C-alpha cells in the first residue's frame, strides 16, 4: 500500500471510530468524549480513562494507547493485525472499550 492509500485508510478508521463513539453515547447512555486532532483520536470515558488511537504514516501502522498497554497494528489487505501477534485491532478495541464502559461494546473497523 502506498502512502496515499494508507492515509485514506487510516483516516477512514479514525472517522469510523469517532462516529461509533457518538453512537455508543446514545445507545448505551455513556459518558464518552471524543477529541480529534489531525491523525489522533482521543476517547475519554467517564472523565478518567483515556484511549488514544493514531496513525503512523512512516511505518504504515495504527497505534493504540490504552490503560492495558500500547499496541501497533498493520493492515494486511483485510484487517489491522497486531504486530506482536495479539488480537486484531477491532477485537482489541472492543475489549478496551468494553472494559472502559463496563458494557459489552463491539467495535467495527
PDB file of N, CA and C in Angstrom:
ATOM      1  N   UNK A   1       0.866  -1.161   0.000  1.00  0.00           N
ATOM      2  CA  UNK A   1       0.000   0.000   0.000  1.00  0.00           C
ATOM      3  C   UNK A   1       0.914   1.226   0.000  1.00  0.00           C
ATOM      4  N   UNK A   2       0.588   2.178  -0.863  1.00  0.00           N
ATOM      5  CA  UNK A   2       1.394   3.396  -0.883  1.00  0.00           C
ATOM      6  C   UNK A   2       0.917   4.365   0.199  1.00  0.00           C
ATOM      7  N   UNK A   3       1.631   5.471   0.369  1.00  0.00           N
ATOM      8  CA  UNK A   3       1.314   6.405   1.452  1.00  0.00           C
ATOM      9  C   UNK A   3      -0.077   7.024   1.309  1.00  0.00           C
ATOM     10  N   UNK A   4      -0.469   7.343   0.091  1.00  0.00           N
ATOM     11  CA  UNK A   4      -1.795   7.927  -0.138  1.00  0.00           C
ATOM     12  C   UNK A   4      -2.894   6.953   0.272  1.00  0.00           C
ATOM     13  N   UNK A   5      -2.728   5.685  -0.085  1.00  0.00           N
ATOM     14  CA  UNK A   5      -3.706   4.668   0.299  1.00  0.00           C
ATOM     15  C   UNK A   5      -3.742   4.495   1.817  1.00  0.00           C
ATOM     16  N   UNK A   6      -2.562   4.477   2.442  1.00  0.00           N
ATOM     17  CA  UNK A   6      -2.520   4.343   3.894  1.00  0.00           C
ATOM     18  C   UNK A   6      -3.230   5.523   4.563  1.00  0.00           C
ATOM     19  N   UNK A   7      -2.947   6.726   4.120  1.00  0.00           N
ATOM     20  CA  UNK A   7      -3.568   7.901   4.733  1.00  0.00           C
ATOM     21  C   UNK A   7      -5.090   7.865   4.594  1.00  0.00           C
ATOM     22  N   UNK A   8      -5.588   7.454   3.438  1.00  0.00           N
ATOM     23  CA  UNK A   8      -7.039   7.364   3.232  1.00  0.00           C
ATOM     24  C   UNK A   8      -7.632   6.285   4.133  1.00  0.00           C
ATOM     25  N   UNK A   9      -6.976   5.153   4.221  1.00  0.00           N
ATOM     26  CA  UNK A   9      -7.480   4.040   5.038  1.00  0.00           C
ATOM     27  C   UNK A   9      -7.446   4.406   6.524  1.00  0.00           C
ATOM     28  N   UNK A  10      -6.357   5.000   6.986  1.00  0.00           N
ATOM     29  CA  UNK A  10      -6.242   5.356   8.408  1.00  0.00           C
ATOM     30  C   UNK A  10      -7.220   6.468   8.771  1.00  0.00           C
ATOM     31  N   UNK A  11      -7.432   7.415   7.879  1.00  0.00           N
ATOM     32  CA  UNK A  11      -8.420   8.482   8.105  1.00  0.00           C
ATOM     33  C   UNK A  11      -9.817   7.881   8.248  1.00  0.00           C
ATOM     34  N   UNK A  12     -10.127   6.897   7.420  1.00  0.00           N
ATOM     35  CA  UNK A  12     -11.430   6.233   7.493  1.00  0.00           C
ATOM     36  C   UNK A  12     -11.602   5.508   8.821  1.00  0.00           C
ATOM     37  N   UNK A  13     -10.538   4.878   9.328  1.00  0.00           N
ATOM     38  CA  UNK A  13     -10.601   4.192  10.623  1.00  0.00           C
ATOM     39  C   UNK A  13     -10.926   5.197  11.726  1.00  0.00           C
ATOM     40  N   UNK A  14     -10.212   6.308  11.741  1.00  0.00           N
ATOM     41  CA  UNK A  14     -10.443   7.322  12.776  1.00  0.00           C
ATOM     42  C   UNK A  14     -11.842   7.907  12.664  1.00  0.00           C
ATOM     43  N   UNK A  15     -12.296   8.158  11.440  1.00  0.00           N
ATOM     44  CA  UNK A  15     -13.662   8.661  11.229  1.00  0.00           C
ATOM     45  C   UNK A  15     -14.691   7.663  11.761  1.00  0.00           C
ATOM     46  N   UNK A  16     -14.493   6.377  11.433  1.00  0.00           N
ATOM     47  CA  UNK A  16     -15.421   5.327  11.878  1.00  0.00           C
ATOM     48  C   UNK A  16     -15.468   5.236  13.402  1.00  0.00           C
ATOM     49  N   UNK A  17     -14.307   5.276  14.035  1.00  0.00           N
ATOM     50  CA  UNK A  17     -14.258   5.173  15.488  1.00  0.00           C
ATOM     51  C   UNK A  17     -14.914   6.376  16.156  1.00  0.00           C
ATOM     52  N   UNK A  18     -14.680   7.547  15.608  1.00  0.00           N
ATOM     53  CA  UNK A  18     -15.306   8.752  16.160  1.00  0.00           C
ATOM     54  C   UNK A  18     -16.826   8.665  16.033  1.00  0.00           C
ATOM     55  N   UNK A  19     -17.301   8.217  14.884  1.00  0.00           N
ATOM     56  CA  UNK A  19     -18.736   8.063  14.655  1.00  0.00           C
ATOM     57  C   UNK A  19     -19.332   7.006  15.589  1.00  0.00           C
ATOM     58  N   UNK A  20     -18.634   5.884  15.747  1.00  0.00           N
ATOM     59  CA  UNK A  20     -19.124   4.832  16.639  1.00  0.00           C
ATOM     60  C   UNK A  20     -19.206   5.318  18.079  1.00  0.00           C
ATOM     61  N   UNK A  21     -18.241   6.131  18.499  1.00  0.00           N
ATOM     62  CA  UNK A  21     -18.287   6.632  19.877  1.00  0.00           C
ATOM     63  C   UNK A  21     -19.526   7.488  20.089  1.00  0.00           C
ATOM     64  N   UNK A  22     -19.924   8.249  19.080  1.00  0.00           N
ATOM     65  CA  UNK A  22     -21.173   9.018  19.172  1.00  0.00           C
ATOM     66  C   UNK A  22     -22.372   8.081  19.322  1.00  0.00           C
ATOM     67  N   UNK A  23     -22.351   6.978  18.583  1.00  0.00           N
ATOM     68  CA  UNK A  23     -23.436   6.001  18.670  1.00  0.00           C
ATOM     69  C   UNK A  23     -23.503   5.370  20.062  1.00  0.00           C
ATOM     70  N   UNK A  24     -22.340   5.035  20.644  1.00  0.00           N
ATOM     71  CA  UNK A  24     -22.318   4.412  21.966  1.00  0.00           C
ATOM     72  C   UNK A  24     -22.926   5.340  23.009  1.00  0.00           C
ATOM     73  N   UNK A  25     -22.676   6.635  22.869  1.00  0.00           N
ATOM     74  CA  UNK A  25     -23.217   7.610  23.823  1.00  0.00           C
ATOM     75  C   UNK A  25     -24.734   7.525  23.836  1.00  0.00           C
ATOM     76  N   UNK A  26     -25.345   7.515  22.655  1.00  0.00           N
ATOM     77  CA  UNK A  26     -26.809   7.497  22.599  1.00  0.00           C
ATOM     78  C   UNK A  26     -27.389   6.111  22.858  1.00  0.00           C
ATOM     79  N   UNK A  27     -26.740   5.061  22.375  1.00  0.00           N
ATOM     80  CA  UNK A  27     -27.264   3.705  22.560  1.00  0.00           C
ATOM     81  C   UNK A  27     -27.169   3.208  23.997  1.00  0.00           C
ATOM     82  N   UNK A  28     -26.072   3.523  24.649  1.00  0.00           N
ATOM     83  CA  UNK A  28     -25.804   2.962  25.966  1.00  0.00           C
ATOM     84  C   UNK A  28     -25.805   3.995  27.087  1.00  0.00           C
ATOM     85  N   UNK A  29     -26.128   5.248  26.761  1.00  0.00           N
ATOM     86  CA  UNK A  29     -26.149   6.325  27.748  1.00  0.00           C
ATOM     87  C   UNK A  29     -24.817   6.410  28.496  1.00  0.00           C
ATOM     88  N   UNK A  30     -23.738   6.523  27.722  1.00  0.00           N
ATOM     89  CA  UNK A  30     -22.390   6.549  28.290  1.00  0.00           C
ATOM     90  C   UNK A  30     -21.817   7.957  28.283  1.00  0.00           C
ATOM     91  N   UNK A  31     -20.834   8.178  29.144  1.00  0.00           N
ATOM     92  CA  UNK A  31     -20.102   9.441  29.189  1.00  0.00           C
ATOM     93  C   UNK A  31     -18.778   9.239  28.445  1.00  0.00           C
ATOM     94  N   UNK A  32     -18.776   9.606  27.164  1.00  0.00           N
ATOM     95  CA  UNK A  32     -17.583   9.473  26.331  1.00  0.00           C
ATOM     96  C   UNK A  32     -17.342  10.806  25.640  1.00  0.00           C
ATOM     97  N   UNK A  33     -16.111  11.262  25.710  1.00  0.00           N
ATOM     98  CA  UNK A  33     -15.730  12.473  24.987  1.00  0.00           C
ATOM     99  C   UNK A  33     -14.726  12.069  23.913  1.00  0.00           C
ATOM    100  N   UNK A  34     -15.026  12.400  22.673  1.00  0.00           N
ATOM    101  CA  UNK A  34     -14.125  12.100  21.559  1.00  0.00           C
ATOM    102  C   UNK A  34     -13.490  13.403  21.084  1.00  0.00           C
ATOM    103  N   UNK A  35     -12.170  13.445  21.096  1.00  0.00           N
ATOM    104  CA  UNK A  35     -11.434  14.621  20.621  1.00  0.00           C
ATOM    105  C   UNK A  35     -10.546  14.197  19.463  1.00  0.00           C
ATOM    106  N   UNK A  36     -10.666  14.908  18.368  1.00  0.00           N
ATOM    107  CA  UNK A  36      -9.891  14.580  17.170  1.00  0.00           C
ATOM    108  C   UNK A  36      -8.991  15.749  16.829  1.00  0.00           C
ATOM    109  N   UNK A  37      -7.727  15.454  16.655  1.00  0.00           N
ATOM    110  CA  UNK A  37      -6.758  16.457  16.226  1.00  0.00           C
ATOM    111  C   UNK A  37      -5.872  15.812  15.165  1.00  0.00           C
ATOM    112  N   UNK A  38      -6.163  16.115  13.902  1.00  0.00           N
ATOM    113  CA  UNK A  38      -5.397  15.526  12.803  1.00  0.00           C
ATOM    114  C   UNK A  38      -5.518  14.025  12.780  1.00  0.00           C
ATOM    115  N   UNK A  39      -4.390  13.342  12.923  1.00  0.00           N
ATOM    116  CA  UNK A  39      -4.371  11.885  12.840  1.00  0.00           C
ATOM    117  C   UNK A  39      -4.461  11.221  14.214  1.00  0.00           C
ATOM    118  N   UNK A  40      -4.936  11.981  15.216  1.00  0.00           N
ATOM    119  CA  UNK A  40      -5.042  11.449  16.580  1.00  0.00           C
ATOM    120  C   UNK A  40      -6.481  11.572  17.077  1.00  0.00           C
ATOM    121  N   UNK A  41      -7.031  10.456  17.538  1.00  0.00           N
ATOM    122  CA  UNK A  41      -8.354  10.433  18.152  1.00  0.00           C
ATOM    123  C   UNK A  41      -8.183   9.996  19.599  1.00  0.00           C
ATOM    124  N   UNK A  42      -8.666  10.838  20.514  1.00  0.00           N
ATOM    125  CA  UNK A  42      -8.617  10.516  21.931  1.00  0.00           C
ATOM    126  C   UNK A  42     -10.039  10.304  22.425  1.00  0.00           C
ATOM    127  N   UNK A  43     -10.273   9.149  23.013  1.00  0.00           N
ATOM    128  CA  UNK A  43     -11.557   8.833  23.634  1.00  0.00           C
ATOM    129  C   UNK A  43     -11.369   8.875  25.141  1.00  0.00           C
ATOM    130  N   UNK A  44     -12.208   9.658  25.815  1.00  0.00           N
ATOM    131  CA  UNK A  44     -12.135   9.762  27.269  1.00  0.00           C
ATOM    132  C   UNK A  44     -13.444   9.227  27.826  1.00  0.00           C
ATOM    133  N   UNK A  45     -13.344   8.213  28.666  1.00  0.00           N
ATOM    134  CA  UNK A  45     -14.507   7.549  29.252  1.00  0.00           C
ATOM    135  C   UNK A  45     -14.657   7.996  30.705  1.00  0.00           C
ATOM    136  N   UNK A  46     -15.840   8.507  31.047  1.00  0.00           N
ATOM    137  CA  UNK A  46     -16.149   8.938  32.420  1.00  0.00           C
ATOM    138  C   UNK A  46     -15.101   9.904  32.982  1.00  0.00           C
ATOM    139  N   UNK A  47     -14.579  10.766  32.136  1.00  0.00           N
ATOM    140  CA  UNK A  47     -13.575  11.762  32.546  1.00  0.00           C
ATOM    141  C   UNK A  47     -12.339  11.148  33.189  1.00  0.00           C
ATOM    142  N   UNK A  48     -12.082   9.870  32.964  1.00  0.00           N
ATOM    143  CA  UNK A  48     -10.971   9.228  33.653  1.00  0.00           C
ATOM    144  C   UNK A  48     -10.116   8.329  32.767  1.00  0.00           C
ATOM    145  N   UNK A  49     -10.730   7.499  31.968  1.00  0.00           N
ATOM    146  CA  UNK A  49      -9.998   6.503  31.173  1.00  0.00           C
ATOM    147  C   UNK A  49      -9.770   7.063  29.776  1.00  0.00           C
ATOM    148  N   UNK A  50      -8.492   7.156  29.394  1.00  0.00           N
ATOM    149  CA  UNK A  50      -8.119   7.687  28.082  1.00  0.00           C
ATOM    150  C   UNK A  50      -7.649   6.558  27.165  1.00  0.00           C
ATOM    151  N   UNK A  51      -8.147   6.594  25.936  1.00  0.00           N
ATOM    152  CA  UNK A  51      -7.692   5.682  24.885  1.00  0.00           C
ATOM    153  C   UNK A  51      -7.337   6.553  23.693  1.00  0.00           C
ATOM    154  N   UNK A  52      -6.113   6.412  23.211  1.00  0.00           N
ATOM    155  CA  UNK A  52      -5.626   7.233  22.107  1.00  0.00           C
ATOM    156  C   UNK A  52      -5.347   6.333  20.910  1.00  0.00           C
ATOM    157  N   UNK A  53      -5.920   6.700  19.767  1.00  0.00           N
ATOM    158  CA  UNK A  53      -5.715   5.962  18.522  1.00  0.00           C
ATOM    159  C   UNK A  53      -5.124   6.935  17.520  1.00  0.00           C
ATOM    160  N   UNK A  54      -4.009   6.572  16.918  1.00  0.00           N
ATOM    161  CA  UNK A  54      -3.420   7.466  15.924  1.00  0.00           C
ATOM    162  C   UNK A  54      -2.725   6.682  14.817  1.00  0.00           C
ATOM    163  N   UNK A  55      -2.562   7.361  13.698  1.00  0.00           N
ATOM    164  CA  UNK A  55      -1.882   6.733  12.564  1.00  0.00           C
ATOM    165  C   UNK A  55      -0.420   7.161  12.547  1.00  0.00           C
ATOM    166  N   UNK A  56       0.414   6.241  12.123  1.00  0.00           N
ATOM    167  CA  UNK A  56       1.844   6.478  11.982  1.00  0.00           C
ATOM    168  C   UNK A  56       2.211   6.195  10.526  1.00  0.00           C
ATOM    169  N   UNK A  57       2.102   7.231   9.691  1.00  0.00           N
ATOM    170  CA  UNK A  57       2.315   7.066   8.250  1.00  0.00           C
ATOM    171  C   UNK A  57       3.696   6.510   7.894  1.00  0.00           C
ATOM    172  N   UNK A  58       4.792   6.965   8.517  1.00  0.00           N
ATOM    173  CA  UNK A  58       6.099   6.420   8.126  1.00  0.00           C
ATOM    174  C   UNK A  58       6.193   4.905   8.266  1.00  0.00           C
ATOM    175  N   UNK A  59       5.492   4.338   9.268  1.00  0.00           N
ATOM    176  CA  UNK A  59       5.523   2.896   9.475  1.00  0.00           C
ATOM    177  C   UNK A  59       4.296   2.200   8.908  1.00  0.00           C
ATOM    178  N   UNK A  60       3.345   2.980   8.396  1.00  0.00           N
ATOM    179  CA  UNK A  60       2.062   2.464   7.907  1.00  0.00           C
ATOM    180  C   UNK A  60       1.393   1.598   8.967  1.00  0.00           C
ATOM    181  N   UNK A  61       1.303   2.161  10.165  1.00  0.00           N
ATOM    182  CA  UNK A  61       0.687   1.465  11.288  1.00  0.00           C
ATOM    183  C   UNK A  61      -0.327   2.367  11.977  1.00  0.00           C
ATOM    184  N   UNK A  62      -1.270   1.728  12.643  1.00  0.00           N
ATOM    185  CA  UNK A  62      -2.182   2.406  13.561  1.00  0.00           C
ATOM    186  C   UNK A  62      -1.714   2.038  14.958  1.00  0.00           C
ATOM    187  N   UNK A  63      -1.647   3.034  15.852  1.00  0.00           N
ATOM    188  CA  UNK A  63      -1.199   2.794  17.212  1.00  0.00           C
ATOM    189  C   UNK A  63      -2.352   3.066  18.169  1.00  0.00           C
ATOM    190  N   UNK A  64      -2.435   2.259  19.201  1.00  0.00           N
ATOM    191  CA  UNK A  64      -3.451   2.419  20.239  1.00  0.00           C
ATOM    192  C   UNK A  64      -2.743   2.450  21.587  1.00  0.00           C
ATOM    193  N   UNK A  65      -3.053   3.473  22.381  1.00  0.00           N
ATOM    194  CA  UNK A  65      -2.558   3.559  23.755  1.00  0.00           C
ATOM    195  C   UNK A  65      -3.774   3.497  24.667  1.00  0.00           C
ATOM    196  N   UNK A  66      -3.747   2.544  25.594  1.00  0.00           N
ATOM    197  CA  UNK A  66      -4.874   2.322  26.500  1.00  0.00           C
ATOM    198  C   UNK A  66      -4.320   1.952  27.873  1.00  0.00           C
ATOM    199  N   UNK A  67      -5.174   1.941  28.899  1.00  0.00           N
ATOM    200  CA  UNK A  67      -4.680   1.536  30.213  1.00  0.00           C
ATOM    201  C   UNK A  67      -4.017   0.153  30.201  1.00  0.00           C
ATOM    202  N   UNK A  68      -4.444  -0.709  29.301  1.00  0.00           N
ATOM    203  CA  UNK A  68      -3.883  -2.064  29.227  1.00  0.00           C
ATOM    204  C   UNK A  68      -2.560  -2.135  28.474  1.00  0.00           C
ATOM    205  N   UNK A  69      -2.127  -1.029  27.847  1.00  0.00           N
ATOM    206  CA  UNK A  69      -0.842  -1.023  27.159  1.00  0.00           C
ATOM    207  C   UNK A  69      -0.871  -0.285  25.838  1.00  0.00           C
ATOM    208  N   UNK A  70       0.241  -0.384  25.114  1.00  0.00           N
ATOM    209  CA  UNK A  70       0.372   0.224  23.799  1.00  0.00           C
ATOM    210  C   UNK A  70       0.435  -0.860  22.737  1.00  0.00           C
ATOM    211  N   UNK A  71      -0.263  -0.626  21.631  1.00  0.00           N
ATOM    212  CA  UNK A  71      -0.382  -1.651  20.597  1.00  0.00           C
ATOM    213  C   UNK A  71      -0.178  -1.036  19.221  1.00  0.00           C
ATOM    214  N   UNK A  72       0.427  -1.801  18.311  1.00  0.00           N
ATOM    215  CA  UNK A  72       0.676  -1.364  16.941  1.00  0.00           C
ATOM    216  C   UNK A  72      -0.018  -2.333  15.991  1.00  0.00           C
ATOM    217  N   UNK A  73      -0.653  -1.773  14.959  1.00  0.00           N
ATOM    218  CA  UNK A  73      -1.416  -2.585  14.002  1.00  0.00           C
ATOM    219  C   UNK A  73      -1.013  -2.247  12.580  1.00  0.00           C
ATOM    220  N   UNK A  74      -0.887  -3.278  11.762  1.00  0.00           N
ATOM    221  CA  UNK A  74      -0.539  -3.132  10.352  1.00  0.00           C
ATOM    222  C   UNK A  74      -1.626  -3.796   9.517  1.00  0.00           C
ATOM    223  N   UNK A  75      -2.018  -3.141   8.425  1.00  0.00           N
ATOM    224  CA  UNK A  75      -3.098  -3.636   7.574  1.00  0.00           C
ATOM    225  C   UNK A  75      -2.569  -4.712   6.631  1.00  0.00           C
ATOM    226  N   UNK A  76      -3.296  -5.842   6.540  1.00  0.00           N
ATOM    227  CA  UNK A  76      -2.864  -6.961   5.694  1.00  0.00           C
ATOM    228  C   UNK A  76      -3.696  -7.102   4.421  1.00  0.00           C
ATOM    229  N   UNK A  77      -4.529  -6.093   4.138  1.00  0.00           N
ATOM    230  CA  UNK A  77      -5.410  -6.164   2.980  1.00  0.00           C
ATOM    231  C   UNK A  77      -6.847  -6.445   3.370  1.00  0.00           C
ATOM    232  N   UNK A  78      -7.041  -6.971   4.594  1.00  0.00           N
ATOM    233  CA  UNK A  78      -8.383  -7.274   5.092  1.00  0.00           C
ATOM    234  C   UNK A  78      -8.662  -6.651   6.450  1.00  0.00           C
ATOM    235  N   UNK A  79      -7.672  -6.694   7.337  1.00  0.00           N
ATOM    236  CA  UNK A  79      -7.874  -6.124   8.671  1.00  0.00           C
ATOM    237  C   UNK A  79      -6.542  -5.665   9.246  1.00  0.00           C
ATOM    238  N   UNK A  80      -6.652  -4.922  10.365  1.00  0.00           N
ATOM    239  CA  UNK A  80      -5.479  -4.396  11.062  1.00  0.00           C
ATOM    240  C   UNK A  80      -5.028  -5.422  12.098  1.00  0.00           C
ATOM    241  N   UNK A  81      -3.842  -6.008  11.877  1.00  0.00           N
ATOM    242  CA  UNK A  81      -3.315  -7.047  12.752  1.00  0.00           C
ATOM    243  C   UNK A  81      -2.271  -6.490  13.703  1.00  0.00           C
ATOM    244  N   UNK A  82      -2.291  -6.992  14.932  1.00  0.00           N
ATOM    245  CA  UNK A  82      -1.307  -6.614  15.940  1.00  0.00           C
ATOM    246  C   UNK A  82       0.069  -7.081  15.465  1.00  0.00           C
ATOM    247  N   UNK A  83       1.050  -6.192  15.519  1.00  0.00           N
ATOM    248  CA  UNK A  83       2.390  -6.538  15.039  1.00  0.00           C
ATOM    249  C   UNK A  83       3.100  -7.515  15.970  1.00  0.00           C
ATOM    250  N   UNK A  84       2.539  -7.741  17.163  1.00  0.00           N
ATOM    251  CA  UNK A  84       3.136  -8.671  18.120  1.00  0.00           C
ATOM    252  C   UNK A  84       2.268  -9.909  18.331  1.00  0.00           C
ATOM    253  N   UNK A  85       1.325 -10.140  17.416  1.00  0.00           N
ATOM    254  CA  UNK A  85       0.545 -11.374  17.455  1.00  0.00           C
ATOM    255  C   UNK A  85      -0.685 -11.363  18.334  1.00  0.00           C
ATOM    256  N   UNK A  86      -1.064 -10.216  18.870  1.00  0.00           N
ATOM    257  CA  UNK A  86      -2.274 -10.137  19.680  1.00  0.00           C
ATOM    258  C   UNK A  86      -3.506 -10.099  18.799  1.00  0.00           C
ATOM    259  N   UNK A  87      -4.652  -9.816  19.409  1.00  0.00           N
ATOM    260  CA  UNK A  87      -5.892  -9.755  18.620  1.00  0.00           C
ATOM    261  C   UNK A  87      -5.848  -8.605  17.608  1.00  0.00           C
ATOM    262  N   UNK A  88      -6.616  -8.748  16.536  1.00  0.00           N
ATOM    263  CA  UNK A  88      -6.662  -7.687  15.544  1.00  0.00           C
ATOM    264  C   UNK A  88      -7.287  -6.442  16.169  1.00  0.00           C
ATOM    265  N   UNK A  89      -7.138  -5.314  15.502  1.00  0.00           N
ATOM    266  CA  UNK A  89      -7.482  -4.021  16.081  1.00  0.00           C
ATOM    267  C   UNK A  89      -8.938  -3.909  16.525  1.00  0.00           C
ATOM    268  N   UNK A  90      -9.879  -4.354  15.716  1.00  0.00           N
ATOM    269  CA  UNK A  90     -11.295  -4.252  16.088  1.00  0.00           C
ATOM    270  C   UNK A  90     -11.587  -5.069  17.336  1.00  0.00           C
ATOM    271  N   UNK A  91     -11.034  -6.263  17.415  1.00  0.00           N
ATOM    272  CA  UNK A  91     -11.250  -7.113  18.581  1.00  0.00           C
ATOM    273  C   UNK A  91     -10.612  -6.495  19.828  1.00  0.00           C
ATOM    274  N   UNK A  92      -9.387  -6.000  19.686  1.00  0.00           N
ATOM    275  CA  UNK A  92      -8.700  -5.385  20.822  1.00  0.00           C
ATOM    276  C   UNK A  92      -9.447  -4.144  21.306  1.00  0.00           C
ATOM    277  N   UNK A  93      -9.889  -3.293  20.373  1.00  0.00           N
ATOM    278  CA  UNK A  93     -10.628  -2.097  20.765  1.00  0.00           C
ATOM    279  C   UNK A  93     -11.971  -2.460  21.394  1.00  0.00           C
ATOM    280  N   UNK A  94     -12.590  -3.519  20.939  1.00  0.00           N
ATOM    281  CA  UNK A  94     -13.839  -3.973  21.560  1.00  0.00           C
ATOM    282  C   UNK A  94     -13.590  -4.314  23.026  1.00  0.00           C
ATOM    283  N   UNK A  95     -12.495  -5.017  23.299  1.00  0.00           N
ATOM    284  CA  UNK A  95     -12.148  -5.371  24.674  1.00  0.00           C
ATOM    285  C   UNK A  95     -11.839  -4.125  25.499  1.00  0.00           C
ATOM    286  N   UNK A  96     -11.056  -3.216  24.931  1.00  0.00           N
ATOM    287  CA  UNK A  96     -10.654  -1.998  25.638  1.00  0.00           C
ATOM    288  C   UNK A  96     -11.867  -1.140  25.967  1.00  0.00           C
ATOM    289  N   UNK A  97     -12.735  -0.927  24.981  1.00  0.00           N
ATOM    290  CA  UNK A  97     -13.912  -0.079  25.181  1.00  0.00           C
ATOM    291  C   UNK A  97     -14.896  -0.747  26.145  1.00  0.00           C
ATOM    292  N   UNK A  98     -15.055  -2.043  26.038  1.00  0.00           N
ATOM    293  CA  UNK A  98     -15.950  -2.765  26.950  1.00  0.00           C
ATOM    294  C   UNK A  98     -15.463  -2.641  28.393  1.00  0.00           C
ATOM    295  N   UNK A  99     -14.165  -2.768  28.595  1.00  0.00           N
ATOM    296  CA  UNK A  99     -13.609  -2.610  29.939  1.00  0.00           C
ATOM    297  C   UNK A  99     -13.793  -1.183  30.446  1.00  0.00           C
ATOM    298  N   UNK A 100     -13.599  -0.204  29.575  1.00  0.00           N
ATOM    299  CA  UNK A 100     -13.711   1.199  29.972  1.00  0.00           C
ATOM    300  C   UNK A 100     -15.141   1.590  30.321  1.00  0.00           C
ATOM    301  N   UNK A 101     -16.113   0.981  29.641  1.00  0.00           N
ATOM    302  CA  UNK A 101     -17.511   1.356  29.845  1.00  0.00           C
ATOM    303  C   UNK A 101     -18.259   0.421  30.797  1.00  0.00           C
ATOM    304  N   UNK A 102     -17.717  -0.776  30.990  1.00  0.00           N
ATOM    305  CA  UNK A 102     -18.422  -1.755  31.801  1.00  0.00           C
ATOM    306  C   UNK A 102     -19.599  -2.385  31.071  1.00  0.00           C
ATOM    307  N   UNK A 103     -19.638  -2.194  29.753  1.00  0.00           N
ATOM    308  CA  UNK A 103     -20.708  -2.755  28.919  1.00  0.00           C
ATOM    309  C   UNK A 103     -20.072  -3.470  27.726  1.00  0.00           C
ATOM    310  N   UNK A 104     -20.685  -4.529  27.230  1.00  0.00           N
ATOM    311  CA  UNK A 104     -20.134  -5.177  26.041  1.00  0.00           C
ATOM    312  C   UNK A 104     -20.349  -4.305  24.807  1.00  0.00           C
ATOM    313  N   UNK A 105     -19.263  -3.837  24.241  1.00  0.00           N
ATOM    314  CA  UNK A 105     -19.303  -2.964  23.068  1.00  0.00           C
ATOM    315  C   UNK A 105     -18.509  -3.640  21.949  1.00  0.00           C
ATOM    316  N   UNK A 106     -19.082  -3.692  20.767  1.00  0.00           N
ATOM    317  CA  UNK A 106     -18.375  -4.253  19.622  1.00  0.00           C
ATOM    318  C   UNK A 106     -17.925  -3.119  18.709  1.00  0.00           C
ATOM    319  N   UNK A 107     -16.616  -3.043  18.495  1.00  0.00           N
ATOM    320  CA  UNK A 107     -16.034  -2.054  17.594  1.00  0.00           C
ATOM    321  C   UNK A 107     -15.940  -2.678  16.210  1.00  0.00           C
ATOM    322  N   UNK A 108     -16.385  -1.937  15.202  1.00  0.00           N
ATOM    323  CA  UNK A 108     -16.334  -2.411  13.827  1.00  0.00           C
ATOM    324  C   UNK A 108     -15.417  -1.481  13.039  1.00  0.00           C
ATOM    325  N   UNK A 109     -14.411  -2.090  12.408  1.00  0.00           N
ATOM    326  CA  UNK A 109     -13.486  -1.291  11.592  1.00  0.00           C
ATOM    327  C   UNK A 109     -13.458  -1.887  10.198  1.00  0.00           C
TER     328      UNK A 109
END
